[in-house]
Amino acid sequence: MVGYGEKTVAEVFRELAVSGASFKFAARGGSVKVSIDGLHSSLSPR
């Protein structure tokens, strides 16, 4: 995924979990909505 440098998405979320951030996924219609500490960002597969 572009935008995370050398880290995979799994590594990014693992670090978030270790840092105490809370997050959840919602998959709908081919896209994934990620909620992190009240921030919302949509990731769409290409």
N, C-alpha and C. Protein backbone atom coordinates (compact mmCIF):
# COMPACT_ATOMS: atom_id res chain seq x y z
N MET A 1 0.84 -1.19 0.00
CA MET A 1 0.00 0.00 0.00
C MET A 1 0.88 1.24 0.00
N VAL A 2 0.53 2.19 -0.81
CA VAL A 2 1.30 3.42 -0.93
C VAL A 2 1.04 4.31 0.28
N GLY A 3 2.08 4.95 0.77
CA GLY A 3 1.90 5.91 1.85
C GLY A 3 2.40 5.43 3.19
N TYR A 4 2.82 4.17 3.28
CA TYR A 4 3.30 3.66 4.55
C TYR A 4 4.79 3.36 4.54
N GLY A 5 5.49 3.80 3.52
CA GLY A 5 6.92 3.55 3.46
C GLY A 5 7.21 2.06 3.36
N GLU A 6 8.08 1.58 4.23
CA GLU A 6 8.47 0.17 4.19
C GLU A 6 7.56 -0.71 5.02
N LYS A 7 6.60 -0.13 5.71
CA LYS A 7 5.74 -0.91 6.58
C LYS A 7 4.54 -1.46 5.83
N THR A 8 4.12 -2.64 6.22
CA THR A 8 2.88 -3.18 5.69
C THR A 8 1.73 -2.61 6.50
N VAL A 9 0.53 -2.75 5.97
CA VAL A 9 -0.65 -2.29 6.71
C VAL A 9 -0.75 -3.00 8.05
N ALA A 10 -0.44 -4.29 8.07
CA ALA A 10 -0.50 -5.05 9.32
C ALA A 10 0.46 -4.48 10.36
N GLU A 11 1.65 -4.10 9.93
CA GLU A 11 2.63 -3.53 10.86
C GLU A 11 2.15 -2.19 11.41
N VAL A 12 1.55 -1.38 10.55
CA VAL A 12 1.04 -0.08 10.99
C VAL A 12 -0.02 -0.27 12.07
N PHE A 13 -0.97 -1.19 11.84
CA PHE A 13 -2.03 -1.39 12.82
C PHE A 13 -1.51 -2.07 14.08
N ARG A 14 -0.48 -2.91 13.95
CA ARG A 14 0.12 -3.52 15.13
C ARG A 14 0.73 -2.44 16.01
N GLU A 15 1.43 -1.48 15.39
CA GLU A 15 2.01 -0.38 16.15
C GLU A 15 0.93 0.47 16.81
N LEU A 16 -0.17 0.70 16.10
CA LEU A 16 -1.28 1.45 16.68
C LEU A 16 -1.83 0.72 17.90
N ALA A 17 -1.97 -0.60 17.79
CA ALA A 17 -2.50 -1.37 18.91
C ALA A 17 -1.56 -1.30 20.11
N VAL A 18 -0.26 -1.40 19.87
CA VAL A 18 0.73 -1.34 20.94
C VAL A 18 0.72 0.03 21.60
N SER A 19 0.48 1.08 20.80
CA SER A 19 0.49 2.44 21.34
C SER A 19 -0.80 2.76 22.10
N GLY A 20 -1.76 1.84 22.06
CA GLY A 20 -2.99 2.05 22.81
C GLY A 20 -4.11 2.67 22.01
N ALA A 21 -3.87 2.89 20.72
CA ALA A 21 -4.92 3.45 19.87
C ALA A 21 -6.00 2.39 19.65
N SER A 22 -7.23 2.83 19.57
CA SER A 22 -8.31 1.89 19.27
C SER A 22 -8.74 2.09 17.82
N PHE A 23 -9.03 1.00 17.15
CA PHE A 23 -9.44 1.10 15.76
C PHE A 23 -10.37 -0.04 15.41
N LYS A 24 -11.17 0.15 14.38
CA LYS A 24 -12.06 -0.90 13.91
C LYS A 24 -12.22 -0.78 12.41
N PHE A 25 -12.58 -1.91 11.80
CA PHE A 25 -12.77 -1.95 10.35
C PHE A 25 -14.24 -2.15 10.02
N ALA A 26 -14.66 -1.58 8.92
CA ALA A 26 -15.99 -1.87 8.38
C ALA A 26 -15.84 -2.01 6.88
N ALA A 27 -16.11 -3.20 6.37
CA ALA A 27 -16.00 -3.44 4.93
C ALA A 27 -17.37 -3.32 4.30
N ARG A 28 -17.43 -2.55 3.23
CA ARG A 28 -18.72 -2.34 2.58
C ARG A 28 -18.51 -2.01 1.11
N GLY A 29 -19.10 -2.79 0.23
CA GLY A 29 -19.07 -2.48 -1.19
C GLY A 29 -17.68 -2.39 -1.81
N GLY A 30 -16.75 -3.23 -1.39
CA GLY A 30 -15.43 -3.25 -2.00
C GLY A 30 -14.45 -2.25 -1.42
N SER A 31 -14.86 -1.49 -0.41
CA SER A 31 -13.92 -0.58 0.24
C SER A 31 -13.89 -0.88 1.73
N VAL A 32 -12.84 -0.43 2.39
CA VAL A 32 -12.69 -0.66 3.82
C VAL A 32 -12.67 0.67 4.52
N LYS A 33 -13.54 0.83 5.49
CA LYS A 33 -13.53 2.05 6.29
C LYS A 33 -12.80 1.75 7.59
N VAL A 34 -11.83 2.57 7.92
CA VAL A 34 -11.04 2.37 9.13
C VAL A 34 -11.31 3.52 10.08
N SER A 35 -11.67 3.19 11.30
CA SER A 35 -11.90 4.22 12.31
C SER A 35 -10.80 4.11 13.36
N ILE A 36 -10.03 5.19 13.52
CA ILE A 36 -8.93 5.20 14.48
C ILE A 36 -9.10 6.39 15.41
N ASP A 37 -9.39 6.10 16.69
CA ASP A 37 -9.53 7.16 17.68
C ASP A 37 -10.42 8.30 17.19
N GLY A 38 -11.52 7.97 16.55
CA GLY A 38 -12.45 8.99 16.09
C GLY A 38 -12.13 9.56 14.72
N LEU A 39 -10.98 9.19 14.16
CA LEU A 39 -10.64 9.65 12.81
C LEU A 39 -11.15 8.62 11.81
N HIS A 40 -11.70 9.09 10.71
CA HIS A 40 -12.23 8.17 9.71
C HIS A 40 -11.49 8.35 8.39
N SER A 41 -11.09 7.23 7.82
CA SER A 41 -10.36 7.26 6.56
C SER A 41 -10.80 6.07 5.73
N SER A 42 -11.09 6.28 4.48
CA SER A 42 -11.52 5.18 3.62
C SER A 42 -10.36 4.73 2.74
N LEU A 43 -10.16 3.43 2.71
CA LEU A 43 -9.13 2.85 1.86
C LEU A 43 -9.83 2.02 0.79
N SER A 44 -9.62 2.36 -0.46
CA SER A 44 -10.26 1.62 -1.54
C SER A 44 -9.21 0.83 -2.32
N PRO A 45 -9.47 -0.45 -2.54
CA PRO A 45 -8.52 -1.25 -3.33
C PRO A 45 -8.51 -0.78 -4.78
N ARG A 46 -7.36 -0.91 -5.42
CA ARG A 46 -7.25 -0.48 -6.82
C ARG A 46 -7.37 -1.66 -7.75
